[in-house]
Amino acid sequence: MALRYILMSDAVSTVIPGASKPEQIERNVVAADYPAFTHEQMGIVEDVYDKYIKNPVHYKW
């Protein structure tokens, strides 16, 4: 689901996921086929990002 979220971001032009096992590659590929998140779901994810992730890492880019 994290890859699906990233694929929906306008700021992202390329996704380079890591994988060390063939199963991970298969799961990564299917992420594009997952249904798009609703606006409500995107808001929830953005709230989590703003609360827990943004301050420690956002300044690095």
Protein backbone atom coordinates (compact mmCIF):
# COMPACT_ATOMS: atom_id res chain seq x y z
CA MET A 1 0.00 0.00 0.00
CA ALA A 2 2.91 2.35 0.61
CA LEU A 3 3.95 2.05 -3.03
CA ARG A 4 0.39 2.80 -4.14
CA TYR A 5 0.45 5.98 -2.05
CA ILE A 6 3.76 7.03 -3.57
CA LEU A 7 2.47 6.35 -7.08
CA MET A 8 -0.43 8.73 -6.41
CA SER A 9 1.81 11.64 -5.42
CA ASP A 10 2.13 14.43 -7.99
CA ALA A 11 5.59 15.20 -6.64
CA VAL A 12 6.90 11.75 -7.57
CA SER A 13 7.99 11.02 -11.12
CA THR A 14 9.79 7.72 -10.49
CA VAL A 15 9.54 5.00 -7.87
CA ILE A 16 12.58 2.80 -7.29
CA PRO A 17 11.54 0.17 -4.76
CA GLY A 18 14.03 -2.20 -3.23
CA ALA A 19 13.68 -5.95 -3.35
CA SER A 20 15.90 -8.79 -2.24
CA LYS A 21 13.51 -11.65 -3.02
CA PRO A 22 11.45 -12.44 -6.14
CA GLU A 23 8.26 -12.25 -4.06
CA GLN A 24 9.01 -8.64 -3.19
CA ILE A 25 9.36 -7.77 -6.86
CA GLU A 26 6.00 -9.37 -7.60
CA ARG A 27 4.31 -7.45 -4.76
CA ASN A 28 5.91 -4.20 -5.93
CA VAL A 29 4.62 -4.65 -9.47
CA VAL A 30 1.02 -5.25 -8.37
CA ALA A 31 0.98 -2.02 -6.36
CA ALA A 32 0.10 -0.11 -9.54
CA ASP A 33 -3.05 -2.24 -9.90
CA TYR A 34 -4.41 -1.45 -6.43
CA PRO A 35 -7.37 0.91 -6.41
CA ALA A 36 -6.54 4.57 -5.88
CA PHE A 37 -6.86 5.88 -2.34
CA THR A 38 -9.89 8.04 -1.64
CA HIS A 39 -9.41 11.67 -0.65
CA GLU A 40 -10.24 10.68 2.91
CA GLN A 41 -7.59 7.92 2.93
CA MET A 42 -5.02 10.29 1.44
CA GLY A 43 -5.83 12.80 4.18
CA ILE A 44 -5.25 10.17 6.86
CA VAL A 45 -1.87 9.24 5.40
CA GLU A 46 -0.87 12.90 5.06
CA ASP A 47 -1.85 13.53 8.69
CA VAL A 48 0.39 10.65 9.82
CA TYR A 49 3.23 12.00 7.66
CA ASP A 50 2.83 15.51 9.07
CA LYS A 51 2.67 14.27 12.66
CA TYR A 52 5.40 11.62 12.74
CA ILE A 53 7.67 11.90 9.71
CA LYS A 54 7.85 15.40 8.29
CA ASN A 55 9.85 17.17 11.01
CA PRO A 56 12.64 14.58 11.34
CA VAL A 57 13.24 14.13 7.61
CA HIS A 58 11.62 16.79 5.43
CA TYR A 59 14.47 19.27 5.81
CA LYS A 60 16.83 16.77 4.15
CA TRP A 61 15.35 17.50 0.75
